[in-house]
C-alpha atoms as a PDB file:
ATOM      1  CA  UNK A   1      80.408 159.323  99.002  1.00  0.00           C
ATOM      2  CA  UNK A   2      79.076 159.688  95.355  1.00  0.00           C
ATOM      3  CA  UNK A   3      79.593 156.130  94.475  1.00  0.00           C
ATOM      4  CA  UNK A   4      77.748 155.301  97.892  1.00  0.00           C
ATOM      5  CA  UNK A   5      74.736 157.098  97.188  1.00  0.00           C
ATOM      6  CA  UNK A   6      74.781 155.861  93.324  1.00  0.00           C
ATOM      7  CA  UNK A   7      74.762 152.459  94.600  1.00  0.00           C
ATOM      8  CA  UNK A   8      72.364 152.736  97.245  1.00  0.00           C
ATOM      9  CA  UNK A   9      69.878 154.639  94.422  1.00  0.00           C
ATOM     10  CA  UNK A  10      70.156 151.881  92.034  1.00  0.00           C
ATOM     11  CA  UNK A  11      69.115 149.458  95.122  1.00  0.00           C
ATOM     12  CA  UNK A  12      66.272 151.262  96.367  1.00  0.00           C
ATOM     13  CA  UNK A  13      63.855 152.934  94.332  1.00  0.00           C
ATOM     14  CA  UNK A  14      61.901 155.262  96.875  1.00  0.00           C
ATOM     15  CA  UNK A  15      64.138 155.672 100.020  1.00  0.00           C
ATOM     16  CA  UNK A  16      62.753 157.144 103.246  1.00  0.00           C
ATOM     17  CA  UNK A  17      65.158 159.508 104.958  1.00  0.00           C
ATOM     18  CA  UNK A  18      65.861 157.144 107.633  1.00  0.00           C
ATOM     19  CA  UNK A  19      67.241 154.545 104.967  1.00  0.00           C
ATOM     20  CA  UNK A  20      69.541 157.226 103.155  1.00  0.00           C
ATOM     21  CA  UNK A  21      70.972 158.121 106.497  1.00  0.00           C
ATOM     22  CA  UNK A  22      71.758 154.379 107.322  1.00  0.00           C
ATOM     23  CA  UNK A  23      73.188 153.987 103.760  1.00  0.00           C
ATOM     24  CA  UNK A  24      75.272 156.886 103.836  1.00  0.00           C
ATOM     25  CA  UNK A  25      76.292 156.504 107.729  1.00  0.00           C
ATOM     26  CA  UNK A  26      79.853 154.730 106.515  1.00  0.00           C
ATOM     27  CA  UNK A  27      81.037 157.683 104.326  1.00  0.00           C
ATOM     28  CA  UNK A  28      79.657 160.704 106.274  1.00  0.00           C
ATOM     29  CA  UNK A  29      81.759 162.535 108.559  1.00  0.00           C
ATOM     30  CA  UNK A  30      80.014 163.013 111.778  1.00  0.00           C
ATOM     31  CA  UNK A  31      81.923 166.275 112.714  1.00  0.00           C
ATOM     32  CA  UNK A  32      79.668 168.192 110.165  1.00  0.00           C
ATOM     33  CA  UNK A  33      76.069 168.611 109.300  1.00  0.00           C
ATOM     34  CA  UNK A  34      75.257 166.199 106.570  1.00  0.00           C
ATOM     35  CA  UNK A  35      71.334 167.197 106.209  1.00  0.00           C
ATOM     36  CA  UNK A  36      72.510 168.635 102.861  1.00  0.00           C
ATOM     37  CA  UNK A  37      73.961 165.224 101.513  1.00  0.00           C
ATOM     38  CA  UNK A  38      70.774 163.528 102.792  1.00  0.00           C
ATOM     39  CA  UNK A  39      68.293 166.198 100.963  1.00  0.00           C
ATOM     40  CA  UNK A  40      70.543 165.587  97.791  1.00  0.00           C
ATOM     41  CA  UNK A  41      70.084 162.081  97.926  1.00  0.00           C
ATOM     42  CA  UNK A  42      66.486 162.261  98.195  1.00  0.00           C
ATOM     43  CA  UNK A  43      66.071 164.777  95.523  1.00  0.00           C
ATOM     44  CA  UNK A  44      68.298 162.429  93.162  1.00  0.00           C
ATOM     45  CA  UNK A  45      65.919 159.551  93.996  1.00  0.00           C
ATOM     46  CA  UNK A  46      63.010 161.685  92.813  1.00  0.00           C
ATOM     47  CA  UNK A  47      64.323 162.510  89.495  1.00  0.00           C
ATOM     48  CA  UNK A  48      64.817 159.016  88.285  1.00  0.00           C
END
């Protein structure tokens, strides 16, 4: 999950929530809430 997020953030400078969800969809388990993961990736995008 972290490697997917890192690769995505190295590719997309200012991602939208929709882009983050699409990029992370292959590695996110659908049985849990993943809003925290999306928020963390969005926060990481802002710090670069």
